[in-house]
Amino acid sequence: MSPVNESLFEFPCDFPIKVMGKAHPDFIETIATVVRQFDPEFDASRVEIRPSSGGNYTGLTVTVRAQSREQLDDIYRALTGHPMVKVVL
């Protein structure tokens, strides 16, 4: 039997993270800054942007180069704790 905490991913790997927040002119750069704290090589030009149909929210897909499960957990914690972020998937 394999250990419970064994990762399903092989690191390093590209890992997409979906982030939703209120539409704001600085939202994309703010999220990129948060992600760069944990992935200094993060390329903001690879961010996919989807405005909501009403224009009130912005959805982003940020793809990080994950080195470990701990790094991903840290990114998720930082994003979910950020006041501009509503949802992280």
PDB file of N, CA and C in Angstrom:
ATOM      1  N   MET A   1       0.817  -1.183   0.000  1.00  0.00           N
ATOM      2  CA  MET A   1       0.000   0.000   0.000  1.00  0.00           C
ATOM      3  C   MET A   1       0.863   1.250   0.000  1.00  0.00           C
ATOM      4  N   SER A   2       0.420   2.254  -0.766  1.00  0.00           N
ATOM      5  CA  SER A   2       1.214   3.483  -0.819  1.00  0.00           C
ATOM      6  C   SER A   2       0.817   4.417   0.320  1.00  0.00           C
ATOM      7  N   PRO A   3       1.747   5.271   0.723  1.00  0.00           N
ATOM      8  CA  PRO A   3       1.442   6.210   1.808  1.00  0.00           C
ATOM      9  C   PRO A   3       0.295   7.146   1.423  1.00  0.00           C
ATOM     10  N   VAL A   4      -0.467   7.557   2.407  1.00  0.00           N
ATOM     11  CA  VAL A   4      -1.628   8.410   2.169  1.00  0.00           C
ATOM     12  C   VAL A   4      -1.214   9.755   1.578  1.00  0.00           C
ATOM     13  N   ASN A   5      -0.094  10.301   2.022  1.00  0.00           N
ATOM     14  CA  ASN A   5       0.301  11.624   1.560  1.00  0.00           C
ATOM     15  C   ASN A   5       1.127  11.586   0.271  1.00  0.00           C
ATOM     16  N   GLU A   6       1.226  10.439  -0.366  1.00  0.00           N
ATOM     17  CA  GLU A   6       1.984  10.349  -1.611  1.00  0.00           C
ATOM     18  C   GLU A   6       1.303  11.208  -2.673  1.00  0.00           C
ATOM     19  N   SER A   7       2.091  11.999  -3.376  1.00  0.00           N
ATOM     20  CA  SER A   7       1.533  12.922  -4.356  1.00  0.00           C
ATOM     21  C   SER A   7       1.137  12.189  -5.630  1.00  0.00           C
ATOM     22  N   LEU A   8       0.072  12.662  -6.252  1.00  0.00           N
ATOM     23  CA  LEU A   8      -0.339  12.127  -7.543  1.00  0.00           C
ATOM     24  C   LEU A   8       0.422  12.800  -8.674  1.00  0.00           C
ATOM     25  N   PHE A   9       1.175  13.827  -8.346  1.00  0.00           N
ATOM     26  CA  PHE A   9       1.926  14.582  -9.341  1.00  0.00           C
ATOM     27  C   PHE A   9       3.404  14.252  -9.241  1.00  0.00           C
ATOM     28  N   GLU A  10       4.071  14.358 -10.375  1.00  0.00           N
ATOM     29  CA  GLU A  10       5.526  14.269 -10.369  1.00  0.00           C
ATOM     30  C   GLU A  10       6.047  15.688 -10.489  1.00  0.00           C
ATOM     31  N   PHE A  11       6.885  16.072  -9.552  1.00  0.00           N
ATOM     32  CA  PHE A  11       7.413  17.432  -9.529  1.00  0.00           C
ATOM     33  C   PHE A  11       8.811  17.446 -10.105  1.00  0.00           C
ATOM     34  N   PRO A  12       9.223  18.542 -10.737  1.00  0.00           N
ATOM     35  CA  PRO A  12       8.443  19.744 -11.018  1.00  0.00           C
ATOM     36  C   PRO A  12       7.425  19.499 -12.136  1.00  0.00           C
ATOM     37  N   CYS A  13       6.348  20.299 -12.124  1.00  0.00           N
ATOM     38  CA  CYS A  13       5.326  20.204 -13.171  1.00  0.00           C
ATOM     39  C   CYS A  13       4.616  21.543 -13.322  1.00  0.00           C
ATOM     40  N   ASP A  14       4.035  21.754 -14.486  1.00  0.00           N
ATOM     41  CA  ASP A  14       3.199  22.935 -14.698  1.00  0.00           C
ATOM     42  C   ASP A  14       1.837  22.637 -14.081  1.00  0.00           C
ATOM     43  N   PHE A  15       1.341  23.561 -13.266  1.00  0.00           N
ATOM     44  CA  PHE A  15       0.101  23.323 -12.550  1.00  0.00           C
ATOM     45  C   PHE A  15      -0.808  24.545 -12.679  1.00  0.00           C
ATOM     46  N   PRO A  16      -1.982  24.391 -13.312  1.00  0.00           N
ATOM     47  CA  PRO A  16      -2.894  25.525 -13.449  1.00  0.00           C
ATOM     48  C   PRO A  16      -3.711  25.759 -12.180  1.00  0.00           C
ATOM     49  N   ILE A  17      -3.842  27.007 -11.791  1.00  0.00           N
ATOM     50  CA  ILE A  17      -4.644  27.397 -10.638  1.00  0.00           C
ATOM     51  C   ILE A  17      -5.656  28.432 -11.120  1.00  0.00           C
ATOM     52  N   LYS A  18      -6.921  28.196 -10.819  1.00  0.00           N
ATOM     53  CA  LYS A  18      -7.969  29.138 -11.207  1.00  0.00           C
ATOM     54  C   LYS A  18      -8.264  30.065 -10.030  1.00  0.00           C
ATOM     55  N   VAL A  19      -8.306  31.354 -10.332  1.00  0.00           N
ATOM     56  CA  VAL A  19      -8.509  32.380  -9.317  1.00  0.00           C
ATOM     57  C   VAL A  19      -9.633  33.309  -9.779  1.00  0.00           C
ATOM     58  N   MET A  20     -10.626  33.526  -8.911  1.00  0.00           N
ATOM     59  CA  MET A  20     -11.716  34.446  -9.227  1.00  0.00           C
ATOM     60  C   MET A  20     -11.711  35.592  -8.225  1.00  0.00           C
ATOM     61  N   GLY A  21     -11.989  36.790  -8.740  1.00  0.00           N
ATOM     62  CA  GLY A  21     -12.083  37.953  -7.868  1.00  0.00           C
ATOM     63  C   GLY A  21     -12.898  39.040  -8.526  1.00  0.00           C
ATOM     64  N   LYS A  22     -13.219  40.072  -7.753  1.00  0.00           N
ATOM     65  CA  LYS A  22     -13.939  41.225  -8.285  1.00  0.00           C
ATOM     66  C   LYS A  22     -13.089  41.870  -9.385  1.00  0.00           C
ATOM     67  N   ALA A  23     -13.758  42.331 -10.427  1.00  0.00           N
ATOM     68  CA  ALA A  23     -13.043  43.024 -11.496  1.00  0.00           C
ATOM     69  C   ALA A  23     -12.361  44.267 -10.912  1.00  0.00           C
ATOM     70  N   HIS A  24     -11.069  44.382 -11.167  1.00  0.00           N
ATOM     71  CA  HIS A  24     -10.276  45.491 -10.634  1.00  0.00           C
ATOM     72  C   HIS A  24      -9.092  45.674 -11.568  1.00  0.00           C
ATOM     73  N   PRO A  25      -8.711  46.928 -11.863  1.00  0.00           N
ATOM     74  CA  PRO A  25      -7.600  47.145 -12.807  1.00  0.00           C
ATOM     75  C   PRO A  25      -6.281  46.505 -12.373  1.00  0.00           C
ATOM     76  N   ASP A  26      -6.073  46.316 -11.065  1.00  0.00           N
ATOM     77  CA  ASP A  26      -4.808  45.760 -10.569  1.00  0.00           C
ATOM     78  C   ASP A  26      -4.895  44.270 -10.230  1.00  0.00           C
ATOM     79  N   PHE A  27      -6.035  43.634 -10.509  1.00  0.00           N
ATOM     80  CA  PHE A  27      -6.226  42.237 -10.085  1.00  0.00           C
ATOM     81  C   PHE A  27      -5.165  41.308 -10.661  1.00  0.00           C
ATOM     82  N   ILE A  28      -4.927  41.390 -11.946  1.00  0.00           N
ATOM     83  CA  ILE A  28      -3.983  40.463 -12.592  1.00  0.00           C
ATOM     84  C   ILE A  28      -2.581  40.641 -12.025  1.00  0.00           C
ATOM     85  N   GLU A  29      -2.112  41.892 -11.950  1.00  0.00           N
ATOM     86  CA  GLU A  29      -0.757  42.130 -11.446  1.00  0.00           C
ATOM     87  C   GLU A  29      -0.633  41.764  -9.970  1.00  0.00           C
ATOM     88  N   THR A  30      -1.688  41.993  -9.212  1.00  0.00           N
ATOM     89  CA  THR A  30      -1.676  41.635  -7.787  1.00  0.00           C
ATOM     90  C   THR A  30      -1.528  40.123  -7.621  1.00  0.00           C
ATOM     91  N   ILE A  31      -2.301  39.362  -8.383  1.00  0.00           N
ATOM     92  CA  ILE A  31      -2.226  37.898  -8.298  1.00  0.00           C
ATOM     93  C   ILE A  31      -0.851  37.420  -8.760  1.00  0.00           C
ATOM     94  N   ALA A  32      -0.333  38.011  -9.828  1.00  0.00           N
ATOM     95  CA  ALA A  32       1.006  37.638 -10.311  1.00  0.00           C
ATOM     96  C   ALA A  32       2.057  37.893  -9.234  1.00  0.00           C
ATOM     97  N   THR A  33       1.928  38.995  -8.517  1.00  0.00           N
ATOM     98  CA  THR A  33       2.876  39.319  -7.447  1.00  0.00           C
ATOM     99  C   THR A  33       2.815  38.287  -6.325  1.00  0.00           C
ATOM    100  N   VAL A  34       1.603  37.878  -5.954  1.00  0.00           N
ATOM    101  CA  VAL A  34       1.442  36.855  -4.912  1.00  0.00           C
ATOM    102  C   VAL A  34       2.103  35.550  -5.365  1.00  0.00           C
ATOM    103  N   VAL A  35       1.833  35.138  -6.593  1.00  0.00           N
ATOM    104  CA  VAL A  35       2.375  33.865  -7.101  1.00  0.00           C
ATOM    105  C   VAL A  35       3.899  33.927  -7.182  1.00  0.00           C
ATOM    106  N   ARG A  36       4.456  35.071  -7.580  1.00  0.00           N
ATOM    107  CA  ARG A  36       5.916  35.199  -7.710  1.00  0.00           C
ATOM    108  C   ARG A  36       6.643  35.036  -6.372  1.00  0.00           C
ATOM    109  N   GLN A  37       5.940  35.233  -5.254  1.00  0.00           N
ATOM    110  CA  GLN A  37       6.574  35.014  -3.951  1.00  0.00           C
ATOM    111  C   GLN A  37       6.994  33.549  -3.798  1.00  0.00           C
ATOM    112  N   PHE A  38       6.282  32.663  -4.478  1.00  0.00           N
ATOM    113  CA  PHE A  38       6.524  31.223  -4.344  1.00  0.00           C
ATOM    114  C   PHE A  38       7.109  30.610  -5.609  1.00  0.00           C
ATOM    115  N   ASP A  39       6.952  31.301  -6.747  1.00  0.00           N
ATOM    116  CA  ASP A  39       7.478  30.840  -8.024  1.00  0.00           C
ATOM    117  C   ASP A  39       8.104  32.049  -8.724  1.00  0.00           C
ATOM    118  N   PRO A  40       9.365  32.367  -8.386  1.00  0.00           N
ATOM    119  CA  PRO A  40      10.012  33.571  -8.929  1.00  0.00           C
ATOM    120  C   PRO A  40      10.087  33.584 -10.459  1.00  0.00           C
ATOM    121  N   GLU A  41       9.998  32.428 -11.073  1.00  0.00           N
ATOM    122  CA  GLU A  41      10.076  32.339 -12.536  1.00  0.00           C
ATOM    123  C   GLU A  41       8.708  32.509 -13.191  1.00  0.00           C
ATOM    124  N   PHE A  42       7.663  32.741 -12.392  1.00  0.00           N
ATOM    125  CA  PHE A  42       6.300  32.831 -12.916  1.00  0.00           C
ATOM    126  C   PHE A  42       6.215  33.849 -14.045  1.00  0.00           C
ATOM    127  N   ASP A  43       5.604  33.441 -15.151  1.00  0.00           N
ATOM    128  CA  ASP A  43       5.478  34.275 -16.342  1.00  0.00           C
ATOM    129  C   ASP A  43       4.035  34.777 -16.446  1.00  0.00           C
ATOM    130  N   ALA A  44       3.813  36.046 -16.100  1.00  0.00           N
ATOM    131  CA  ALA A  44       2.460  36.623 -16.098  1.00  0.00           C
ATOM    132  C   ALA A  44       1.855  36.664 -17.497  1.00  0.00           C
ATOM    133  N   SER A  45       2.668  36.552 -18.528  1.00  0.00           N
ATOM    134  CA  SER A  45       2.118  36.567 -19.891  1.00  0.00           C
ATOM    135  C   SER A  45       1.346  35.279 -20.185  1.00  0.00           C
ATOM    136  N   ARG A  46       1.515  34.262 -19.341  1.00  0.00           N
ATOM    137  CA  ARG A  46       0.798  32.994 -19.527  1.00  0.00           C
ATOM    138  C   ARG A  46      -0.532  32.953 -18.782  1.00  0.00           C
ATOM    139  N   VAL A  47      -0.923  34.054 -18.145  1.00  0.00           N
ATOM    140  CA  VAL A  47      -2.185  34.107 -17.415  1.00  0.00           C
ATOM    141  C   VAL A  47      -3.341  34.181 -18.414  1.00  0.00           C
ATOM    142  N   GLU A  48      -4.308  33.282 -18.243  1.00  0.00           N
ATOM    143  CA  GLU A  48      -5.520  33.333 -19.061  1.00  0.00           C
ATOM    144  C   GLU A  48      -6.560  34.144 -18.290  1.00  0.00           C
ATOM    145  N   ILE A  49      -7.217  35.067 -18.978  1.00  0.00           N
ATOM    146  CA  ILE A  49      -8.157  35.994 -18.343  1.00  0.00           C
ATOM    147  C   ILE A  49      -9.552  35.777 -18.921  1.00  0.00           C
ATOM    148  N   ARG A  50     -10.546  35.657 -18.020  1.00  0.00           N
ATOM    149  CA  ARG A  50     -11.943  35.520 -18.437  1.00  0.00           C
ATOM    150  C   ARG A  50     -12.807  36.452 -17.604  1.00  0.00           C
ATOM    151  N   PRO A  51     -13.287  37.554 -18.202  1.00  0.00           N
ATOM    152  CA  PRO A  51     -14.222  38.395 -17.461  1.00  0.00           C
ATOM    153  C   PRO A  51     -15.572  37.692 -17.337  1.00  0.00           C
ATOM    154  N   SER A  52     -16.285  37.953 -16.250  1.00  0.00           N
ATOM    155  CA  SER A  52     -17.624  37.366 -16.094  1.00  0.00           C
ATOM    156  C   SER A  52     -18.572  38.028 -17.089  1.00  0.00           C
ATOM    157  N   SER A  53     -19.696  37.391 -17.340  1.00  0.00           N
ATOM    158  CA  SER A  53     -20.639  37.916 -18.330  1.00  0.00           C
ATOM    159  C   SER A  53     -21.151  39.302 -17.928  1.00  0.00           C
ATOM    160  N   GLY A  54     -21.297  39.544 -16.636  1.00  0.00           N
ATOM    161  CA  GLY A  54     -21.752  40.855 -16.177  1.00  0.00           C
ATOM    162  C   GLY A  54     -20.635  41.864 -16.008  1.00  0.00           C
ATOM    163  N   GLY A  55     -19.385  41.404 -16.127  1.00  0.00           N
ATOM    164  CA  GLY A  55     -18.245  42.296 -15.993  1.00  0.00           C
ATOM    165  C   GLY A  55     -17.866  42.636 -14.563  1.00  0.00           C
ATOM    166  N   ASN A  56     -18.526  42.008 -13.591  1.00  0.00           N
ATOM    167  CA  ASN A  56     -18.233  42.316 -12.183  1.00  0.00           C
ATOM    168  C   ASN A  56     -17.066  41.519 -11.618  1.00  0.00           C
ATOM    169  N   TYR A  57     -16.769  40.388 -12.230  1.00  0.00           N
ATOM    170  CA  TYR A  57     -15.712  39.500 -11.744  1.00  0.00           C
ATOM    171  C   TYR A  57     -14.737  39.182 -12.865  1.00  0.00           C
ATOM    172  N   THR A  58     -13.546  38.775 -12.458  1.00  0.00           N
ATOM    173  CA  THR A  58     -12.529  38.327 -13.400  1.00  0.00           C
ATOM    174  C   THR A  58     -12.061  36.953 -12.967  1.00  0.00           C
ATOM    175  N   GLY A  59     -11.990  36.033 -13.915  1.00  0.00           N
ATOM    176  CA  GLY A  59     -11.434  34.711 -13.661  1.00  0.00           C
ATOM    177  C   GLY A  59     -10.070  34.612 -14.315  1.00  0.00           C
ATOM    178  N   LEU A  60      -9.113  34.097 -13.576  1.00  0.00           N
ATOM    179  CA  LEU A  60      -7.760  33.915 -14.102  1.00  0.00           C
ATOM    180  C   LEU A  60      -7.365  32.454 -13.998  1.00  0.00           C
ATOM    181  N   THR A  61      -6.614  31.988 -14.971  1.00  0.00           N
ATOM    182  CA  THR A  61      -5.919  30.710 -14.832  1.00  0.00           C
ATOM    183  C   THR A  61      -4.435  31.041 -14.850  1.00  0.00           C
ATOM    184  N   VAL A  62      -3.780  30.824 -13.713  1.00  0.00           N
ATOM    185  CA  VAL A  62      -2.340  31.056 -13.613  1.00  0.00           C
ATOM    186  C   VAL A  62      -1.658  29.693 -13.578  1.00  0.00           C
ATOM    187  N   THR A  63      -0.684  29.524 -14.424  1.00  0.00           N
ATOM    188  CA  THR A  63       0.038  28.244 -14.479  1.00  0.00           C
ATOM    189  C   THR A  63       1.404  28.437 -13.841  1.00  0.00           C
ATOM    190  N   VAL A  64       1.613  27.730 -12.738  1.00  0.00           N
ATOM    191  CA  VAL A  64       2.883  27.829 -12.017  1.00  0.00           C
ATOM    192  C   VAL A  64       3.740  26.605 -12.329  1.00  0.00           C
ATOM    193  N   ARG A  65       5.032  26.768 -12.172  1.00  0.00           N
ATOM    194  CA  ARG A  65       5.964  25.645 -12.289  1.00  0.00           C
ATOM    195  C   ARG A  65       6.165  25.128 -10.869  1.00  0.00           C
ATOM    196  N   ALA A  66       5.344  24.154 -10.496  1.00  0.00           N
ATOM    197  CA  ALA A  66       5.345  23.647  -9.120  1.00  0.00           C
ATOM    198  C   ALA A  66       6.544  22.733  -8.877  1.00  0.00           C
ATOM    199  N   GLN A  67       7.228  23.007  -7.776  1.00  0.00           N
ATOM    200  CA  GLN A  67       8.391  22.206  -7.395  1.00  0.00           C
ATOM    201  C   GLN A  67       8.045  21.157  -6.344  1.00  0.00           C
ATOM    202  N   SER A  68       6.937  21.382  -5.602  1.00  0.00           N
ATOM    203  CA  SER A  68       6.566  20.458  -4.529  1.00  0.00           C
ATOM    204  C   SER A  68       5.112  20.681  -4.139  1.00  0.00           C
ATOM    205  N   ARG A  69       4.552  19.723  -3.428  1.00  0.00           N
ATOM    206  CA  ARG A  69       3.201  19.859  -2.905  1.00  0.00           C
ATOM    207  C   ARG A  69       3.134  21.011  -1.893  1.00  0.00           C
ATOM    208  N   GLU A  70       4.191  21.160  -1.106  1.00  0.00           N
ATOM    209  CA  GLU A  70       4.242  22.233  -0.111  1.00  0.00           C
ATOM    210  C   GLU A  70       4.187  23.600  -0.785  1.00  0.00           C
ATOM    211  N   GLN A  71       4.892  23.742  -1.896  1.00  0.00           N
ATOM    212  CA  GLN A  71       4.868  25.013  -2.628  1.00  0.00           C
ATOM    213  C   GLN A  71       3.444  25.316  -3.115  1.00  0.00           C
ATOM    214  N   LEU A  72       2.767  24.313  -3.668  1.00  0.00           N
ATOM    215  CA  LEU A  72       1.384  24.511  -4.121  1.00  0.00           C
ATOM    216  C   LEU A  72       0.484  24.891  -2.955  1.00  0.00           C
ATOM    217  N   ASP A  73       0.632  24.215  -1.830  1.00  0.00           N
ATOM    218  CA  ASP A  73      -0.169  24.532  -0.644  1.00  0.00           C
ATOM    219  C   ASP A  73       0.061  25.979  -0.206  1.00  0.00           C
ATOM    220  N   ASP A  74       1.327  26.423  -0.238  1.00  0.00           N
ATOM    221  CA  ASP A  74       1.652  27.801   0.146  1.00  0.00           C
ATOM    222  C   ASP A  74       0.995  28.805  -0.803  1.00  0.00           C
ATOM    223  N   ILE A  75       1.024  28.508  -2.102  1.00  0.00           N
ATOM    224  CA  ILE A  75       0.402  29.397  -3.090  1.00  0.00           C
ATOM    225  C   ILE A  75      -1.104  29.470  -2.849  1.00  0.00           C
ATOM    226  N   TYR A  76      -1.732  28.310  -2.652  1.00  0.00           N
ATOM    227  CA  TYR A  76      -3.174  28.283  -2.398  1.00  0.00           C
ATOM    228  C   TYR A  76      -3.532  29.072  -1.143  1.00  0.00           C
ATOM    229  N   ARG A  77      -2.760  28.900  -0.080  1.00  0.00           N
ATOM    230  CA  ARG A  77      -3.018  29.624   1.169  1.00  0.00           C
ATOM    231  C   ARG A  77      -2.894  31.140   0.955  1.00  0.00           C
ATOM    232  N   ALA A  78      -1.855  31.556   0.253  1.00  0.00           N
ATOM    233  CA  ALA A  78      -1.638  32.990   0.017  1.00  0.00           C
ATOM    234  C   ALA A  78      -2.761  33.578  -0.834  1.00  0.00           C
ATOM    235  N   LEU A  79      -3.188  32.831  -1.850  1.00  0.00           N
ATOM    236  CA  LEU A  79      -4.255  33.335  -2.718  1.00  0.00           C
ATOM    237  C   LEU A  79      -5.596  33.370  -1.997  1.00  0.00           C
ATOM    238  N   THR A  80      -5.939  32.302  -1.295  1.00  0.00           N
ATOM    239  CA  THR A  80      -7.242  32.269  -0.627  1.00  0.00           C
ATOM    240  C   THR A  80      -7.313  33.301   0.498  1.00  0.00           C
ATOM    241  N   GLY A  81      -6.186  33.669   1.066  1.00  0.00           N
ATOM    242  CA  GLY A  81      -6.166  34.659   2.127  1.00  0.00           C
ATOM    243  C   GLY A  81      -6.116  36.096   1.633  1.00  0.00           C
ATOM    244  N   HIS A  82      -5.956  36.292   0.326  1.00  0.00           N
ATOM    245  CA  HIS A  82      -5.833  37.645  -0.213  1.00  0.00           C
ATOM    246  C   HIS A  82      -7.210  38.310  -0.312  1.00  0.00           C
ATOM    247  N   PRO A  83      -7.317  39.567   0.106  1.00  0.00           N
ATOM    248  CA  PRO A  83      -8.634  40.235   0.127  1.00  0.00           C
ATOM    249  C   PRO A  83      -9.270  40.422  -1.256  1.00  0.00           C
ATOM    250  N   MET A  84      -8.500  40.422  -2.326  1.00  0.00           N
ATOM    251  CA  MET A  84      -9.082  40.605  -3.667  1.00  0.00           C
ATOM    252  C   MET A  84      -9.648  39.297  -4.236  1.00  0.00           C
ATOM    253  N   VAL A  85      -9.300  38.176  -3.614  1.00  0.00           N
ATOM    254  CA  VAL A  85      -9.663  36.865  -4.161  1.00  0.00           C
ATOM    255  C   VAL A  85     -10.936  36.351  -3.518  1.00  0.00           C
ATOM    256  N   LYS A  86     -11.867  35.882  -4.358  1.00  0.00           N
ATOM    257  CA  LYS A  86     -13.113  35.290  -3.871  1.00  0.00           C
ATOM    258  C   LYS A  86     -13.035  33.767  -3.835  1.00  0.00           C
ATOM    259  N   VAL A  87     -12.454  33.148  -4.880  1.00  0.00           N
ATOM    260  CA  VAL A  87     -12.401  31.694  -4.995  1.00  0.00           C
ATOM    261  C   VAL A  87     -11.077  31.272  -5.624  1.00  0.00           C
ATOM    262  N   VAL A  88     -10.515  30.167  -5.132  1.00  0.00           N
ATOM    263  CA  VAL A  88      -9.320  29.568  -5.738  1.00  0.00           C
ATOM    264  C   VAL A  88      -9.622  28.094  -5.970  1.00  0.00           C
ATOM    265  N   LEU A  89      -9.401  27.628  -7.176  1.00  0.00           N
ATOM    266  CA  LEU A  89      -9.610  26.215  -7.513  1.00  0.00           C
ATOM    267  C   LEU A  89      -8.347  25.628  -8.087  1.00  0.00           C
TER     268      LEU A  89
END
